[in-house]
Amino acid sequence: MTGRQVVPVHFIAENSKRFYRIANWCKRLGIKFNLAMLLLPDEMYKAQHGTFKVVFGDPIPPETFDSSRTPNEWAQWVRAKVYEL
């Protein structure tokens, strides 16, 4: 552990329908590698000069991340905090 605070950041924006369609197909077919992630550079390029909202949450102190949960469980906990923003 680095002993640093974690600042939750939520980018409120949408990708293209194509991106979500490919992501859903990967999920349905049980493909572990998310092919839609390969489209992210293209999605970011298309969003250039666009607007989106960024919300910063309160910093989470490093003492929060103790051994009561696994690293994956802590990641899910932080993810839930981000979606609460």
C-alpha atoms as a PDB file:
ATOM      1  CA  MET A   1       0.000   0.000   0.000  1.00  0.00           C
ATOM      2  CA  THR A   2       1.330   3.435  -0.865  1.00  0.00           C
ATOM      3  CA  GLY A   3      -0.234   5.255   2.076  1.00  0.00           C
ATOM      4  CA  ARG A   4      -1.943   7.763  -0.251  1.00  0.00           C
ATOM      5  CA  GLN A   5      -5.490   9.030  -0.208  1.00  0.00           C
ATOM      6  CA  VAL A   6      -7.806   7.821  -2.956  1.00  0.00           C
ATOM      7  CA  VAL A   7      -9.919  10.497  -4.619  1.00  0.00           C
ATOM      8  CA  PRO A   8     -13.007   9.078  -6.332  1.00  0.00           C
ATOM      9  CA  VAL A   9     -13.591  10.659  -9.757  1.00  0.00           C
ATOM     10  CA  HIS A  10     -16.716  10.077 -11.862  1.00  0.00           C
ATOM     11  CA  PHE A  11     -16.747  11.102 -15.535  1.00  0.00           C
ATOM     12  CA  ILE A  12     -20.341  11.530 -16.665  1.00  0.00           C
ATOM     13  CA  ALA A  13     -20.412  10.898 -20.406  1.00  0.00           C
ATOM     14  CA  GLU A  14     -21.543   8.290 -22.919  1.00  0.00           C
ATOM     15  CA  ASN A  15     -19.767   6.242 -25.524  1.00  0.00           C
ATOM     16  CA  SER A  16     -21.276   5.387 -28.897  1.00  0.00           C
ATOM     17  CA  LYS A  17     -24.003   2.792 -29.390  1.00  0.00           C
ATOM     18  CA  ARG A  18     -21.433   0.698 -31.279  1.00  0.00           C
ATOM     19  CA  PHE A  19     -19.193   0.596 -28.180  1.00  0.00           C
ATOM     20  CA  TYR A  20     -22.021  -0.613 -25.925  1.00  0.00           C
ATOM     21  CA  ARG A  21     -23.293  -3.085 -28.527  1.00  0.00           C
ATOM     22  CA  ILE A  22     -19.866  -4.739 -28.803  1.00  0.00           C
ATOM     23  CA  ALA A  23     -19.449  -4.778 -25.012  1.00  0.00           C
ATOM     24  CA  ASN A  24     -22.851  -6.476 -24.634  1.00  0.00           C
ATOM     25  CA  TRP A  25     -22.006  -9.087 -27.277  1.00  0.00           C
ATOM     26  CA  CYS A  26     -18.755  -9.907 -25.496  1.00  0.00           C
ATOM     27  CA  LYS A  27     -20.675 -10.384 -22.265  1.00  0.00           C
ATOM     28  CA  ARG A  28     -23.339 -12.575 -23.909  1.00  0.00           C
ATOM     29  CA  LEU A  29     -20.767 -14.741 -25.664  1.00  0.00           C
ATOM     30  CA  GLY A  30     -18.727 -15.095 -22.483  1.00  0.00           C
ATOM     31  CA  ILE A  31     -15.603 -13.562 -24.009  1.00  0.00           C
ATOM     32  CA  LYS A  32     -13.337 -12.661 -21.108  1.00  0.00           C
ATOM     33  CA  PHE A  33     -11.419 -10.031 -23.092  1.00  0.00           C
ATOM     34  CA  ASN A  34     -13.552  -6.939 -23.592  1.00  0.00           C
ATOM     35  CA  LEU A  35     -13.170  -6.088 -27.277  1.00  0.00           C
ATOM     36  CA  ALA A  36     -14.964  -2.789 -26.741  1.00  0.00           C
ATOM     37  CA  MET A  37     -11.915  -1.529 -24.836  1.00  0.00           C
ATOM     38  CA  LEU A  38     -10.042  -1.556 -28.138  1.00  0.00           C
ATOM     39  CA  LEU A  39     -12.496   1.104 -29.307  1.00  0.00           C
ATOM     40  CA  LEU A  40     -11.763   3.503 -26.448  1.00  0.00           C
ATOM     41  CA  PRO A  41      -9.114   5.546 -28.328  1.00  0.00           C
ATOM     42  CA  ASP A  42     -11.615   6.051 -31.158  1.00  0.00           C
ATOM     43  CA  GLU A  43     -14.337   6.979 -28.658  1.00  0.00           C
ATOM     44  CA  MET A  44     -12.043   9.512 -27.022  1.00  0.00           C
ATOM     45  CA  TYR A  45     -11.090  10.992 -30.387  1.00  0.00           C
ATOM     46  CA  LYS A  46     -14.764  11.378 -31.323  1.00  0.00           C
ATOM     47  CA  ALA A  47     -15.462  13.072 -27.983  1.00  0.00           C
ATOM     48  CA  GLN A  48     -12.769  15.652 -28.644  1.00  0.00           C
ATOM     49  CA  HIS A  49     -14.153  19.193 -28.265  1.00  0.00           C
ATOM     50  CA  GLY A  50     -17.249  17.729 -26.602  1.00  0.00           C
ATOM     51  CA  THR A  51     -18.382  18.397 -23.070  1.00  0.00           C
ATOM     52  CA  PHE A  52     -18.878  16.093 -20.123  1.00  0.00           C
ATOM     53  CA  LYS A  53     -19.182  16.456 -16.393  1.00  0.00           C
ATOM     54  CA  VAL A  54     -16.487  15.426 -13.903  1.00  0.00           C
ATOM     55  CA  VAL A  55     -17.417  14.912 -10.241  1.00  0.00           C
ATOM     56  CA  PHE A  56     -14.768  14.584  -7.527  1.00  0.00           C
ATOM     57  CA  GLY A  57     -15.638  12.835  -4.284  1.00  0.00           C
ATOM     58  CA  ASP A  58     -14.171  13.284  -0.821  1.00  0.00           C
ATOM     59  CA  PRO A  59     -10.706  11.739  -0.431  1.00  0.00           C
ATOM     60  CA  ILE A  60     -10.671   8.294   1.155  1.00  0.00           C
ATOM     61  CA  PRO A  61      -7.921   8.035   3.806  1.00  0.00           C
ATOM     62  CA  PRO A  62      -5.424   5.195   3.398  1.00  0.00           C
ATOM     63  CA  GLU A  63      -6.357   3.817   6.834  1.00  0.00           C
ATOM     64  CA  THR A  64      -9.727   2.798   5.353  1.00  0.00           C
ATOM     65  CA  PHE A  65      -8.114   0.034   3.309  1.00  0.00           C
ATOM     66  CA  ASP A  66      -7.313  -2.444   6.044  1.00  0.00           C
ATOM     67  CA  SER A  67      -7.181  -6.250   5.855  1.00  0.00           C
ATOM     68  CA  SER A  68     -10.908  -6.675   6.539  1.00  0.00           C
ATOM     69  CA  ARG A  69     -11.520  -7.117   2.788  1.00  0.00           C
ATOM     70  CA  THR A  70      -9.607  -8.474  -0.172  1.00  0.00           C
ATOM     71  CA  PRO A  71      -8.149  -6.008  -2.686  1.00  0.00           C
ATOM     72  CA  ASN A  72     -10.931  -6.951  -5.127  1.00  0.00           C
ATOM     73  CA  GLU A  73     -13.588  -6.266  -2.489  1.00  0.00           C
ATOM     74  CA  TRP A  74     -12.014  -2.885  -1.748  1.00  0.00           C
ATOM     75  CA  ALA A  75     -12.014  -2.086  -5.466  1.00  0.00           C
ATOM     76  CA  GLN A  76     -15.734  -2.908  -5.651  1.00  0.00           C
ATOM     77  CA  TRP A  77     -16.351  -0.750  -2.576  1.00  0.00           C
ATOM     78  CA  VAL A  78     -14.557   2.226  -4.171  1.00  0.00           C
ATOM     79  CA  ARG A  79     -16.466   1.640  -7.402  1.00  0.00           C
ATOM     80  CA  ALA A  80     -19.750   1.825  -5.487  1.00  0.00           C
ATOM     81  CA  LYS A  81     -18.595   5.099  -3.883  1.00  0.00           C
ATOM     82  CA  VAL A  82     -17.822   6.548  -7.319  1.00  0.00           C
ATOM     83  CA  TYR A  83     -21.272   5.661  -8.639  1.00  0.00           C
ATOM     84  CA  GLU A  84     -22.825   7.346  -5.581  1.00  0.00           C
ATOM     85  CA  LEU A  85     -21.332  10.688  -6.691  1.00  0.00           C
END
